[in-house]
Amino acid sequence: MLEFAGFLPILLLVGMAAIQLGLVGYSASQAGSGARAAARAASQERPGQAAGLAAMSDWLDARVGISGGADTTTATVTVQVPTLLPFVDTDWSVTRSATMPNDE
């Protein structure tokens, strides 16, 4: 019983680290979805920022940037990764971009 009580904090730390890794993956997935939706909407001359934010979870802190050219439109989404562990730096962010051809 005493050995388990001593090992329990290590198990909790490993479990919280696994959940944090899952949050990083989820944030990357949401950033990719938001970038594709924003680029698709902006290439069709619709509001790309609104479409990008609508494609992601509401509780994520995200920024959407759109740049367009004559033939293509590129959307870049940066998502701030939520932090579960109290002693980990909270400046983690994930950036994804997508490029779509413009409709003519």
PDB file of N, CA and C in Angstrom:
ATOM      1  N   MET A   1       0.820  -1.193   0.000  1.00  0.00           N
ATOM      2  CA  MET A   1       0.000   0.000   0.000  1.00  0.00           C
ATOM      3  C   MET A   1       0.868   1.262   0.000  1.00  0.00           C
ATOM      4  N   LEU A   2       1.932   1.246   0.754  1.00  0.00           N
ATOM      5  CA  LEU A   2       2.816   2.396   0.821  1.00  0.00           C
ATOM      6  C   LEU A   2       3.547   2.603  -0.507  1.00  0.00           C
ATOM      7  N   GLU A   3       3.912   1.525  -1.176  1.00  0.00           N
ATOM      8  CA  GLU A   3       4.565   1.636  -2.479  1.00  0.00           C
ATOM      9  C   GLU A   3       3.633   2.255  -3.515  1.00  0.00           C
ATOM     10  N   PHE A   4       2.367   1.876  -3.477  1.00  0.00           N
ATOM     11  CA  PHE A   4       1.388   2.438  -4.411  1.00  0.00           C
ATOM     12  C   PHE A   4       1.201   3.921  -4.151  1.00  0.00           C
ATOM     13  N   ALA A   5       1.134   4.319  -2.881  1.00  0.00           N
ATOM     14  CA  ALA A   5       0.959   5.730  -2.542  1.00  0.00           C
ATOM     15  C   ALA A   5       2.164   6.555  -3.015  1.00  0.00           C
ATOM     16  N   GLY A   6       3.349   5.975  -2.997  1.00  0.00           N
ATOM     17  CA  GLY A   6       4.521   6.687  -3.477  1.00  0.00           C
ATOM     18  C   GLY A   6       4.576   6.766  -4.992  1.00  0.00           C
ATOM     19  N   PHE A   7       4.013   5.782  -5.666  1.00  0.00           N
ATOM     20  CA  PHE A   7       4.046   5.738  -7.130  1.00  0.00           C
ATOM     21  C   PHE A   7       2.872   6.486  -7.766  1.00  0.00           C
ATOM     22  N   LEU A   8       1.833   6.775  -6.988  1.00  0.00           N
ATOM     23  CA  LEU A   8       0.628   7.423  -7.510  1.00  0.00           C
ATOM     24  C   LEU A   8       0.907   8.793  -8.136  1.00  0.00           C
ATOM     25  N   PRO A   9       1.724   9.673  -7.542  1.00  0.00           N
ATOM     26  CA  PRO A   9       1.985  10.961  -8.213  1.00  0.00           C
ATOM     27  C   PRO A   9       2.649  10.804  -9.577  1.00  0.00           C
ATOM     28  N   ILE A  10       3.495   9.802  -9.728  1.00  0.00           N
ATOM     29  CA  ILE A  10       4.125   9.572 -11.029  1.00  0.00           C
ATOM     30  C   ILE A  10       3.088   9.124 -12.044  1.00  0.00           C
ATOM     31  N   LEU A  11       2.181   8.254 -11.637  1.00  0.00           N
ATOM     32  CA  LEU A  11       1.112   7.819 -12.543  1.00  0.00           C
ATOM     33  C   LEU A  11       0.216   8.979 -12.953  1.00  0.00           C
ATOM     34  N   LEU A  12      -0.111   9.853 -12.005  1.00  0.00           N
ATOM     35  CA  LEU A  12      -0.941  11.016 -12.319  1.00  0.00           C
ATOM     36  C   LEU A  12      -0.223  11.955 -13.288  1.00  0.00           C
ATOM     37  N   LEU A  13       1.076  12.150 -13.090  1.00  0.00           N
ATOM     38  CA  LEU A  13       1.840  13.015 -13.977  1.00  0.00           C
ATOM     39  C   LEU A  13       1.907  12.446 -15.389  1.00  0.00           C
ATOM     40  N   VAL A  14       2.101  11.162 -15.520  1.00  0.00           N
ATOM     41  CA  VAL A  14       2.130  10.524 -16.839  1.00  0.00           C
ATOM     42  C   VAL A  14       0.755  10.624 -17.513  1.00  0.00           C
ATOM     43  N   GLY A  15      -0.306  10.436 -16.750  1.00  0.00           N
ATOM     44  CA  GLY A  15      -1.658  10.565 -17.307  1.00  0.00           C
ATOM     45  C   GLY A  15      -1.958  11.976 -17.772  1.00  0.00           C
ATOM     46  N   MET A  16      -1.556  12.977 -16.983  1.00  0.00           N
ATOM     47  CA  MET A  16      -1.791  14.366 -17.377  1.00  0.00           C
ATOM     48  C   MET A  16      -0.950  14.741 -18.601  1.00  0.00           C
ATOM     49  N   ALA A  17       0.267  14.201 -18.688  1.00  0.00           N
ATOM     50  CA  ALA A  17       1.102  14.463 -19.860  1.00  0.00           C
ATOM     51  C   ALA A  17       0.478  13.851 -21.115  1.00  0.00           C
ATOM     52  N   ALA A  18      -0.132  12.680 -20.984  1.00  0.00           N
ATOM     53  CA  ALA A  18      -0.803  12.052 -22.126  1.00  0.00           C
ATOM     54  C   ALA A  18      -2.005  12.880 -22.578  1.00  0.00           C
ATOM     55  N   ILE A  19      -2.744  13.416 -21.630  1.00  0.00           N
ATOM     56  CA  ILE A  19      -3.890  14.267 -21.979  1.00  0.00           C
ATOM     57  C   ILE A  19      -3.401  15.548 -22.655  1.00  0.00           C
ATOM     58  N   GLN A  20      -2.291  16.120 -22.157  1.00  0.00           N
ATOM     59  CA  GLN A  20      -1.728  17.326 -22.774  1.00  0.00           C
ATOM     60  C   GLN A  20      -1.296  17.056 -24.210  1.00  0.00           C
ATOM     61  N   LEU A  21      -0.697  15.908 -24.447  1.00  0.00           N
ATOM     62  CA  LEU A  21      -0.313  15.536 -25.805  1.00  0.00           C
ATOM     63  C   LEU A  21      -1.542  15.408 -26.706  1.00  0.00           C
ATOM     64  N   GLY A  22      -2.633  14.888 -26.166  1.00  0.00           N
ATOM     65  CA  GLY A  22      -3.885  14.815 -26.916  1.00  0.00           C
ATOM     66  C   GLY A  22      -4.426  16.194 -27.246  1.00  0.00           C
ATOM     67  N   LEU A  23      -4.287  17.159 -26.315  1.00  0.00           N
ATOM     68  CA  LEU A  23      -4.728  18.526 -26.583  1.00  0.00           C
ATOM     69  C   LEU A  23      -3.908  19.172 -27.697  1.00  0.00           C
ATOM     70  N   VAL A  24      -2.616  18.862 -27.758  1.00  0.00           N
ATOM     71  CA  VAL A  24      -1.777  19.387 -28.839  1.00  0.00           C
ATOM     72  C   VAL A  24      -2.248  18.828 -30.181  1.00  0.00           C
ATOM     73  N   GLY A  25      -2.518  17.530 -30.227  1.00  0.00           N
ATOM     74  CA  GLY A  25      -3.005  16.916 -31.461  1.00  0.00           C
ATOM     75  C   GLY A  25      -4.361  17.450 -31.878  1.00  0.00           C
ATOM     76  N   TYR A  26      -5.255  17.644 -30.907  1.00  0.00           N
ATOM     77  CA  TYR A  26      -6.582  18.173 -31.213  1.00  0.00           C
ATOM     78  C   TYR A  26      -6.477  19.610 -31.747  1.00  0.00           C
ATOM     79  N   SER A  27      -5.606  20.408 -31.146  1.00  0.00           N
ATOM     80  CA  SER A  27      -5.424  21.781 -31.606  1.00  0.00           C
ATOM     81  C   SER A  27      -4.875  21.810 -33.033  1.00  0.00           C
ATOM     82  N   ALA A  28      -3.941  20.914 -33.346  1.00  0.00           N
ATOM     83  CA  ALA A  28      -3.395  20.857 -34.700  1.00  0.00           C
ATOM     84  C   ALA A  28      -4.467  20.446 -35.708  1.00  0.00           C
ATOM     85  N   SER A  29      -5.294  19.498 -35.332  1.00  0.00           N
ATOM     86  CA  SER A  29      -6.376  19.060 -36.214  1.00  0.00           C
ATOM     87  C   SER A  29      -7.381  20.183 -36.465  1.00  0.00           C
ATOM     88  N   GLN A  30      -7.739  20.899 -35.400  1.00  0.00           N
ATOM     89  CA  GLN A  30      -8.686  22.001 -35.538  1.00  0.00           C
ATOM     90  C   GLN A  30      -8.098  23.143 -36.366  1.00  0.00           C
ATOM     91  N   ALA A  31      -6.797  23.407 -36.215  1.00  0.00           N
ATOM     92  CA  ALA A  31      -6.152  24.462 -37.010  1.00  0.00           C
ATOM     93  C   ALA A  31      -6.170  24.100 -38.489  1.00  0.00           C
ATOM     94  N   GLY A  32      -5.930  22.842 -38.813  1.00  0.00           N
ATOM     95  CA  GLY A  32      -5.989  22.408 -40.209  1.00  0.00           C
ATOM     96  C   GLY A  32      -7.380  22.530 -40.793  1.00  0.00           C
ATOM     97  N   SER A  33      -8.385  22.143 -40.025  1.00  0.00           N
ATOM     98  CA  SER A  33      -9.772  22.259 -40.498  1.00  0.00           C
ATOM     99  C   SER A  33     -10.162  23.715 -40.701  1.00  0.00           C
ATOM    100  N   GLY A  34      -9.769  24.568 -39.774  1.00  0.00           N
ATOM    101  CA  GLY A  34     -10.079  25.989 -39.895  1.00  0.00           C
ATOM    102  C   GLY A  34      -9.386  26.632 -41.085  1.00  0.00           C
ATOM    103  N   ALA A  35      -8.133  26.240 -41.343  1.00  0.00           N
ATOM    104  CA  ALA A  35      -7.396  26.805 -42.479  1.00  0.00           C
ATOM    105  C   ALA A  35      -8.030  26.392 -43.797  1.00  0.00           C
ATOM    106  N   ARG A  36      -8.429  25.119 -43.909  1.00  0.00           N
ATOM    107  CA  ARG A  36      -9.064  24.671 -45.152  1.00  0.00           C
ATOM    108  C   ARG A  36     -10.398  25.382 -45.375  1.00  0.00           C
ATOM    109  N   ALA A  37     -11.201  25.516 -44.323  1.00  0.00           N
ATOM    110  CA  ALA A  37     -12.499  26.178 -44.467  1.00  0.00           C
ATOM    111  C   ALA A  37     -12.335  27.654 -44.802  1.00  0.00           C
ATOM    112  N   ALA A  38     -11.375  28.317 -44.171  1.00  0.00           N
ATOM    113  CA  ALA A  38     -11.151  29.743 -44.438  1.00  0.00           C
ATOM    114  C   ALA A  38     -10.647  29.955 -45.858  1.00  0.00           C
ATOM    115  N   ALA A  39      -9.716  29.114 -46.321  1.00  0.00           N
ATOM    116  CA  ALA A  39      -9.198  29.266 -47.680  1.00  0.00           C
ATOM    117  C   ALA A  39     -10.272  28.977 -48.715  1.00  0.00           C
ATOM    118  N   ARG A  40     -11.097  27.968 -48.467  1.00  0.00           N
ATOM    119  CA  ARG A  40     -12.169  27.633 -49.408  1.00  0.00           C
ATOM    120  C   ARG A  40     -13.165  28.784 -49.524  1.00  0.00           C
ATOM    121  N   ALA A  41     -13.567  29.345 -48.372  1.00  0.00           N
ATOM    122  CA  ALA A  41     -14.546  30.435 -48.400  1.00  0.00           C
ATOM    123  C   ALA A  41     -13.951  31.690 -49.039  1.00  0.00           C
ATOM    124  N   ALA A  42     -12.716  32.016 -48.683  1.00  0.00           N
ATOM    125  CA  ALA A  42     -12.103  33.230 -49.234  1.00  0.00           C
ATOM    126  C   ALA A  42     -11.856  33.099 -50.735  1.00  0.00           C
ATOM    127  N   SER A  43     -11.577  31.895 -51.217  1.00  0.00           N
ATOM    128  CA  SER A  43     -11.366  31.722 -52.657  1.00  0.00           C
ATOM    129  C   SER A  43     -12.662  31.870 -53.436  1.00  0.00           C
ATOM    130  N   GLN A  44     -13.796  31.739 -52.757  1.00  0.00           N
ATOM    131  CA  GLN A  44     -15.105  31.920 -53.383  1.00  0.00           C
ATOM    132  C   GLN A  44     -15.682  33.295 -53.071  1.00  0.00           C
ATOM    133  N   GLU A  45     -14.813  34.204 -52.607  1.00  0.00           N
ATOM    134  CA  GLU A  45     -15.173  35.587 -52.292  1.00  0.00           C
ATOM    135  C   GLU A  45     -16.244  35.684 -51.212  1.00  0.00           C
ATOM    136  N   ARG A  46     -16.141  34.798 -50.232  1.00  0.00           N
ATOM    137  CA  ARG A  46     -16.986  34.870 -49.033  1.00  0.00           C
ATOM    138  C   ARG A  46     -16.087  35.200 -47.846  1.00  0.00           C
ATOM    139  N   PRO A  47     -16.666  35.583 -46.693  1.00  0.00           N
ATOM    140  CA  PRO A  47     -15.821  35.924 -45.540  1.00  0.00           C
ATOM    141  C   PRO A  47     -15.057  34.705 -45.012  1.00  0.00           C
ATOM    142  N   GLY A  48     -13.766  34.680 -45.260  1.00  0.00           N
ATOM    143  CA  GLY A  48     -12.953  33.536 -44.897  1.00  0.00           C
ATOM    144  C   GLY A  48     -12.680  33.422 -43.414  1.00  0.00           C
ATOM    145  N   GLN A  49     -12.497  34.560 -42.734  1.00  0.00           N
ATOM    146  CA  GLN A  49     -12.211  34.502 -41.304  1.00  0.00           C
ATOM    147  C   GLN A  49     -13.381  33.903 -40.532  1.00  0.00           C
ATOM    148  N   ALA A  50     -14.577  34.307 -40.873  1.00  0.00           N
ATOM    149  CA  ALA A  50     -15.756  33.770 -40.189  1.00  0.00           C
ATOM    150  C   ALA A  50     -15.909  32.278 -40.450  1.00  0.00           C
ATOM    151  N   ALA A  51     -15.648  31.849 -41.671  1.00  0.00           N
ATOM    152  CA  ALA A  51     -15.765  30.428 -42.003  1.00  0.00           C
ATOM    153  C   ALA A  51     -14.705  29.612 -41.276  1.00  0.00           C
ATOM    154  N   GLY A  52     -13.491  30.146 -41.171  1.00  0.00           N
ATOM    155  CA  GLY A  52     -12.430  29.442 -40.470  1.00  0.00           C
ATOM    156  C   GLY A  52     -12.719  29.283 -38.992  1.00  0.00           C
ATOM    157  N   LEU A  53     -13.205  30.343 -38.368  1.00  0.00           N
ATOM    158  CA  LEU A  53     -13.532  30.265 -36.941  1.00  0.00           C
ATOM    159  C   LEU A  53     -14.739  29.365 -36.692  1.00  0.00           C
ATOM    160  N   ALA A  54     -15.690  29.349 -37.619  1.00  0.00           N
ATOM    161  CA  ALA A  54     -16.876  28.504 -37.460  1.00  0.00           C
ATOM    162  C   ALA A  54     -16.540  27.025 -37.597  1.00  0.00           C
ATOM    163  N   ALA A  55     -15.469  26.705 -38.322  1.00  0.00           N
ATOM    164  CA  ALA A  55     -15.093  25.307 -38.529  1.00  0.00           C
ATOM    165  C   ALA A  55     -14.352  24.710 -37.340  1.00  0.00           C
ATOM    166  N   MET A  56     -13.977  25.557 -36.374  1.00  0.00           N
ATOM    167  CA  MET A  56     -13.226  25.085 -35.211  1.00  0.00           C
ATOM    168  C   MET A  56     -14.077  25.128 -33.954  1.00  0.00           C
ATOM    169  N   SER A  57     -13.612  24.453 -32.912  1.00  0.00           N
ATOM    170  CA  SER A  57     -14.297  24.482 -31.621  1.00  0.00           C
ATOM    171  C   SER A  57     -14.273  25.896 -31.054  1.00  0.00           C
ATOM    172  N   ASP A  58     -15.364  26.276 -30.401  1.00  0.00           N
ATOM    173  CA  ASP A  58     -15.488  27.628 -29.872  1.00  0.00           C
ATOM    174  C   ASP A  58     -14.515  27.915 -28.728  1.00  0.00           C
ATOM    175  N   TRP A  59     -14.147  26.911 -27.965  1.00  0.00           N
ATOM    176  CA  TRP A  59     -13.333  27.140 -26.773  1.00  0.00           C
ATOM    177  C   TRP A  59     -11.848  27.286 -27.070  1.00  0.00           C
ATOM    178  N   LEU A  60     -11.444  27.121 -28.323  1.00  0.00           N
ATOM    179  CA  LEU A  60     -10.041  27.309 -28.700  1.00  0.00           C
ATOM    180  C   LEU A  60      -9.782  28.772 -29.039  1.00  0.00           C
ATOM    181  N   ASP A  61      -8.626  29.269 -28.621  1.00  0.00           N
ATOM    182  CA  ASP A  61      -8.210  30.626 -28.946  1.00  0.00           C
ATOM    183  C   ASP A  61      -7.472  30.572 -30.279  1.00  0.00           C
ATOM    184  N   ALA A  62      -8.088  31.114 -31.332  1.00  0.00           N
ATOM    185  CA  ALA A  62      -7.521  30.974 -32.678  1.00  0.00           C
ATOM    186  C   ALA A  62      -7.484  32.322 -33.386  1.00  0.00           C
ATOM    187  N   ARG A  63      -6.499  32.448 -34.275  1.00  0.00           N
ATOM    188  CA  ARG A  63      -6.374  33.622 -35.146  1.00  0.00           C
ATOM    189  C   ARG A  63      -6.318  33.135 -36.585  1.00  0.00           C
ATOM    190  N   VAL A  64      -7.065  33.816 -37.449  1.00  0.00           N
ATOM    191  CA  VAL A  64      -7.135  33.442 -38.868  1.00  0.00           C
ATOM    192  C   VAL A  64      -6.608  34.598 -39.696  1.00  0.00           C
ATOM    193  N   GLY A  65      -5.656  34.285 -40.562  1.00  0.00           N
ATOM    194  CA  GLY A  65      -5.122  35.276 -41.489  1.00  0.00           C
ATOM    195  C   GLY A  65      -5.297  34.797 -42.924  1.00  0.00           C
ATOM    196  N   ILE A  66      -5.670  35.710 -43.805  1.00  0.00           N
ATOM    197  CA  ILE A  66      -5.933  35.345 -45.204  1.00  0.00           C
ATOM    198  C   ILE A  66      -5.118  36.250 -46.109  1.00  0.00           C
ATOM    199  N   SER A  67      -4.455  35.630 -47.070  1.00  0.00           N
ATOM    200  CA  SER A  67      -3.730  36.397 -48.085  1.00  0.00           C
ATOM    201  C   SER A  67      -4.110  35.825 -49.445  1.00  0.00           C
ATOM    202  N   GLY A  68      -4.363  36.708 -50.366  1.00  0.00           N
ATOM    203  CA  GLY A  68      -4.807  36.271 -51.678  1.00  0.00           C
ATOM    204  C   GLY A  68      -3.927  36.779 -52.792  1.00  0.00           C
ATOM    205  N   GLY A  69      -3.912  36.036 -53.858  1.00  0.00           N
ATOM    206  CA  GLY A  69      -3.198  36.428 -55.067  1.00  0.00           C
ATOM    207  C   GLY A  69      -4.159  36.406 -56.232  1.00  0.00           C
ATOM    208  N   ALA A  70      -3.614  36.425 -57.422  1.00  0.00           N
ATOM    209  CA  ALA A  70      -4.456  36.405 -58.614  1.00  0.00           C
ATOM    210  C   ALA A  70      -5.073  35.030 -58.840  1.00  0.00           C
ATOM    211  N   ASP A  71      -4.332  33.972 -58.513  1.00  0.00           N
ATOM    212  CA  ASP A  71      -4.804  32.620 -58.809  1.00  0.00           C
ATOM    213  C   ASP A  71      -5.180  31.807 -57.573  1.00  0.00           C
ATOM    214  N   THR A  72      -4.573  32.112 -56.432  1.00  0.00           N
ATOM    215  CA  THR A  72      -4.807  31.303 -55.233  1.00  0.00           C
ATOM    216  C   THR A  72      -5.056  32.186 -54.016  1.00  0.00           C
ATOM    217  N   THR A  73      -5.665  31.579 -53.013  1.00  0.00           N
ATOM    218  CA  THR A  73      -5.884  32.219 -51.718  1.00  0.00           C
ATOM    219  C   THR A  73      -5.321  31.301 -50.647  1.00  0.00           C
ATOM    220  N   THR A  74      -4.558  31.888 -49.727  1.00  0.00           N
ATOM    221  CA  THR A  74      -3.952  31.118 -48.646  1.00  0.00           C
ATOM    222  C   THR A  74      -4.492  31.600 -47.317  1.00  0.00           C
ATOM    223  N   ALA A  75      -4.892  30.666 -46.483  1.00  0.00           N
ATOM    224  CA  ALA A  75      -5.353  30.971 -45.125  1.00  0.00           C
ATOM    225  C   ALA A  75      -4.405  30.326 -44.135  1.00  0.00           C
ATOM    226  N   THR A  76      -4.024  31.083 -43.129  1.00  0.00           N
ATOM    227  CA  THR A  76      -3.150  30.594 -42.071  1.00  0.00           C
ATOM    228  C   THR A  76      -3.868  30.734 -40.742  1.00  0.00           C
ATOM    229  N   VAL A  77      -3.952  29.628 -39.989  1.00  0.00           N
ATOM    230  CA  VAL A  77      -4.639  29.622 -38.700  1.00  0.00           C
ATOM    231  C   VAL A  77      -3.632  29.270 -37.613  1.00  0.00           C
ATOM    232  N   THR A  78      -3.609  30.061 -36.560  1.00  0.00           N
ATOM    233  CA  THR A  78      -2.769  29.797 -35.398  1.00  0.00           C
ATOM    234  C   THR A  78      -3.687  29.558 -34.204  1.00  0.00           C
ATOM    235  N   VAL A  79      -3.520  28.406 -33.562  1.00  0.00           N
ATOM    236  CA  VAL A  79      -4.343  28.032 -32.410  1.00  0.00           C
ATOM    237  C   VAL A  79      -3.454  27.960 -31.176  1.00  0.00           C
ATOM    238  N   GLN A  80      -3.867  28.634 -30.119  1.00  0.00           N
ATOM    239  CA  GLN A  80      -3.175  28.554 -28.835  1.00  0.00           C
ATOM    240  C   GLN A  80      -3.562  27.238 -28.167  1.00  0.00           C
ATOM    241  N   VAL A  81      -2.567  26.410 -27.843  1.00  0.00           N
ATOM    242  CA  VAL A  81      -2.832  25.097 -27.248  1.00  0.00           C
ATOM    243  C   VAL A  81      -3.220  25.288 -25.781  1.00  0.00           C
ATOM    244  N   PRO A  82      -4.379  24.761 -25.363  1.00  0.00           N
ATOM    245  CA  PRO A  82      -4.753  24.840 -23.949  1.00  0.00           C
ATOM    246  C   PRO A  82      -3.764  24.039 -23.095  1.00  0.00           C
ATOM    247  N   THR A  83      -3.414  24.566 -21.927  1.00  0.00           N
ATOM    248  CA  THR A  83      -2.440  23.917 -21.063  1.00  0.00           C
ATOM    249  C   THR A  83      -3.135  23.260 -19.884  1.00  0.00           C
ATOM    250  N   LEU A  84      -2.841  21.993 -19.687  1.00  0.00           N
ATOM    251  CA  LEU A  84      -3.394  21.236 -18.565  1.00  0.00           C
ATOM    252  C   LEU A  84      -2.435  21.224 -17.387  1.00  0.00           C
ATOM    253  N   LEU A  85      -1.150  21.085 -17.663  1.00  0.00           N
ATOM    254  CA  LEU A  85      -0.151  20.996 -16.607  1.00  0.00           C
ATOM    255  C   LEU A  85       0.202  22.396 -16.109  1.00  0.00           C
ATOM    256  N   PRO A  86       0.169  22.623 -14.801  1.00  0.00           N
ATOM    257  CA  PRO A  86       0.371  23.977 -14.282  1.00  0.00           C
ATOM    258  C   PRO A  86       1.792  24.498 -14.443  1.00  0.00           C
ATOM    259  N   PHE A  87       2.787  23.631 -14.512  1.00  0.00           N
ATOM    260  CA  PHE A  87       4.169  24.096 -14.576  1.00  0.00           C
ATOM    261  C   PHE A  87       4.720  24.163 -15.992  1.00  0.00           C
ATOM    262  N   VAL A  88       3.887  23.947 -16.989  1.00  0.00           N
ATOM    263  CA  VAL A  88       4.309  23.986 -18.386  1.00  0.00           C
ATOM    264  C   VAL A  88       4.041  25.374 -18.949  1.00  0.00           C
ATOM    265  N   ASP A  89       4.973  25.874 -19.753  1.00  0.00           N
ATOM    266  CA  ASP A  89       4.831  27.174 -20.382  1.00  0.00           C
ATOM    267  C   ASP A  89       3.567  27.215 -21.238  1.00  0.00           C
ATOM    268  N   THR A  90       2.791  28.287 -21.126  1.00  0.00           N
ATOM    269  CA  THR A  90       1.499  28.369 -21.813  1.00  0.00           C
ATOM    270  C   THR A  90       1.588  29.024 -23.188  1.00  0.00           C
ATOM    271  N   ASP A  91       2.784  29.212 -23.711  1.00  0.00           N
ATOM    272  CA  ASP A  91       2.924  29.868 -25.012  1.00  0.00           C
ATOM    273  C   ASP A  91       3.005  28.880 -26.160  1.00  0.00           C
ATOM    274  N   TRP A  92       2.403  27.713 -26.000  1.00  0.00           N
ATOM    275  CA  TRP A  92       2.384  26.731 -27.083  1.00  0.00           C
ATOM    276  C   TRP A  92       1.326  27.130 -28.085  1.00  0.00           C
ATOM    277  N   SER A  93       1.676  27.099 -29.364  1.00  0.00           N
ATOM    278  CA  SER A  93       0.690  27.367 -30.406  1.00  0.00           C
ATOM    279  C   SER A  93       0.986  26.458 -31.591  1.00  0.00           C
ATOM    280  N   VAL A  94      -0.057  26.212 -32.366  1.00  0.00           N
ATOM    281  CA  VAL A  94       0.036  25.368 -33.552  1.00  0.00           C
ATOM    282  C   VAL A  94      -0.430  26.210 -34.736  1.00  0.00           C
ATOM    283  N   THR A  95       0.315  26.164 -35.826  1.00  0.00           N
ATOM    284  CA  THR A  95      -0.025  26.932 -37.023  1.00  0.00           C
ATOM    285  C   THR A  95      -0.176  25.984 -38.207  1.00  0.00           C
ATOM    286  N   ARG A  96      -1.263  26.158 -38.937  1.00  0.00           N
ATOM    287  CA  ARG A  96      -1.508  25.381 -40.153  1.00  0.00           C
ATOM    288  C   ARG A  96      -1.967  26.349 -41.238  1.00  0.00           C
ATOM    289  N   SER A  97      -1.636  26.023 -42.475  1.00  0.00           N
ATOM    290  CA  SER A  97      -2.084  26.858 -43.588  1.00  0.00           C
ATOM    291  C   SER A  97      -2.608  25.972 -44.711  1.00  0.00           C
ATOM    292  N   ALA A  98      -3.461  26.571 -45.519  1.00  0.00           N
ATOM    293  CA  ALA A  98      -4.051  25.873 -46.665  1.00  0.00           C
ATOM    294  C   ALA A  98      -4.177  26.857 -47.817  1.00  0.00           C
ATOM    295  N   THR A  99      -3.985  26.356 -49.027  1.00  0.00           N
ATOM    296  CA  THR A  99      -4.083  27.174 -50.228  1.00  0.00           C
ATOM    297  C   THR A  99      -5.120  26.567 -51.160  1.00  0.00           C
ATOM    298  N   MET A 100      -6.013  27.414 -51.647  1.00  0.00           N
ATOM    299  CA  MET A 100      -7.068  26.968 -52.566  1.00  0.00           C
ATOM    300  C   MET A 100      -7.025  27.834 -53.832  1.00  0.00           C
ATOM    301  N   PRO A 101      -7.365  27.251 -54.986  1.00  0.00           N
ATOM    302  CA  PRO A 101      -7.434  28.059 -56.209  1.00  0.00           C
ATOM    303  C   PRO A 101      -8.671  28.964 -56.181  1.00  0.00           C
ATOM    304  N   ASN A 102      -8.520  30.155 -56.726  1.00  0.00           N
ATOM    305  CA  ASN A 102      -9.656  31.095 -56.769  1.00  0.00           C
ATOM    306  C   ASN A 102     -10.655  30.655 -57.827  1.00  0.00           C
ATOM    307  N   ASP A 103     -11.947  30.866 -57.509  1.00  0.00           N
ATOM    308  CA  ASP A 103     -12.990  30.615 -58.498  1.00  0.00           C
ATOM    309  C   ASP A 103     -13.008  31.755 -59.508  1.00  0.00           C
ATOM    310  N   GLU A 104     -13.331  31.431 -60.712  1.00  0.00           N
ATOM    311  CA  GLU A 104     -13.349  32.459 -61.753  1.00  0.00           C
ATOM    312  C   GLU A 104     -14.736  32.755 -62.200  1.00  0.00           C
TER     313      GLU A 104
END
